[in-house]
Amino acid sequence: MSETHLNTEQQILQSAEELFLEKGFSNTSTTEIAKRAGCNQALVHLLCI
């Protein structure tokens, strides 16, 4: 796994955690996570698989 992939994965997970704490799980969208992480929504979905 490349360093870039790990950094992106870590950023997605950190962004998701922050948003879940701020807004709650049910009020957070994958679009918001992607925007905060600076990636596209497909990467967020790929991480969930």
Protein backbone atom coordinates (compact mmCIF):
# COMPACT_ATOMS: atom_id res chain seq x y z
CA MET A 1 0.00 0.00 0.00
CA SER A 2 1.39 3.39 -0.92
CA GLU A 3 1.99 6.20 1.54
CA THR A 4 -0.49 8.43 -0.34
CA HIS A 5 -3.20 5.79 0.04
CA LEU A 6 -2.56 5.52 3.78
CA ASN A 7 -2.61 9.28 4.23
CA THR A 8 -5.89 9.57 2.31
CA GLU A 9 -7.41 6.72 4.29
CA GLN A 10 -6.36 8.32 7.57
CA GLN A 11 -7.79 11.68 6.46
CA ILE A 12 -11.13 10.08 5.54
CA LEU A 13 -11.35 8.27 8.89
CA GLN A 14 -10.41 11.39 10.83
CA SER A 15 -12.93 13.51 8.92
CA ALA A 16 -15.67 10.94 9.48
CA GLU A 17 -14.95 10.76 13.19
CA GLU A 18 -15.02 14.56 13.54
CA LEU A 19 -18.31 14.85 11.65
CA PHE A 20 -19.90 11.99 13.61
CA LEU A 21 -18.98 13.73 16.85
CA GLU A 22 -20.26 17.12 15.59
CA LYS A 23 -23.46 16.03 13.86
CA GLY A 24 -24.14 12.45 14.85
CA PHE A 25 -23.94 9.34 12.71
CA SER A 26 -27.36 9.66 11.08
CA ASN A 27 -26.87 13.34 10.19
CA THR A 28 -23.51 12.90 8.43
CA SER A 29 -23.30 12.19 4.71
CA THR A 30 -20.52 10.61 2.71
CA THR A 31 -20.44 13.79 0.63
CA GLU A 32 -19.58 15.82 3.74
CA ILE A 33 -16.90 13.34 4.74
CA ALA A 34 -15.35 13.49 1.27
CA LYS A 35 -15.36 17.30 1.20
CA ARG A 36 -13.70 17.54 4.60
CA ALA A 37 -11.13 14.86 3.68
CA GLY A 38 -10.37 16.52 0.34
CA CYS A 39 -11.20 13.49 -1.78
CA ASN A 40 -14.05 12.28 -3.93
CA GLN A 41 -17.06 10.41 -2.63
CA ALA A 42 -16.06 7.17 -4.37
CA LEU A 43 -12.99 6.89 -2.14
CA VAL A 44 -15.18 7.13 0.95
CA HIS A 45 -17.35 4.29 -0.35
CA LEU A 46 -14.28 2.22 -1.30
CA LEU A 47 -12.94 2.51 2.24
CA CYS A 48 -16.20 1.15 3.63
CA ILE A 49 -15.92 -2.10 1.67
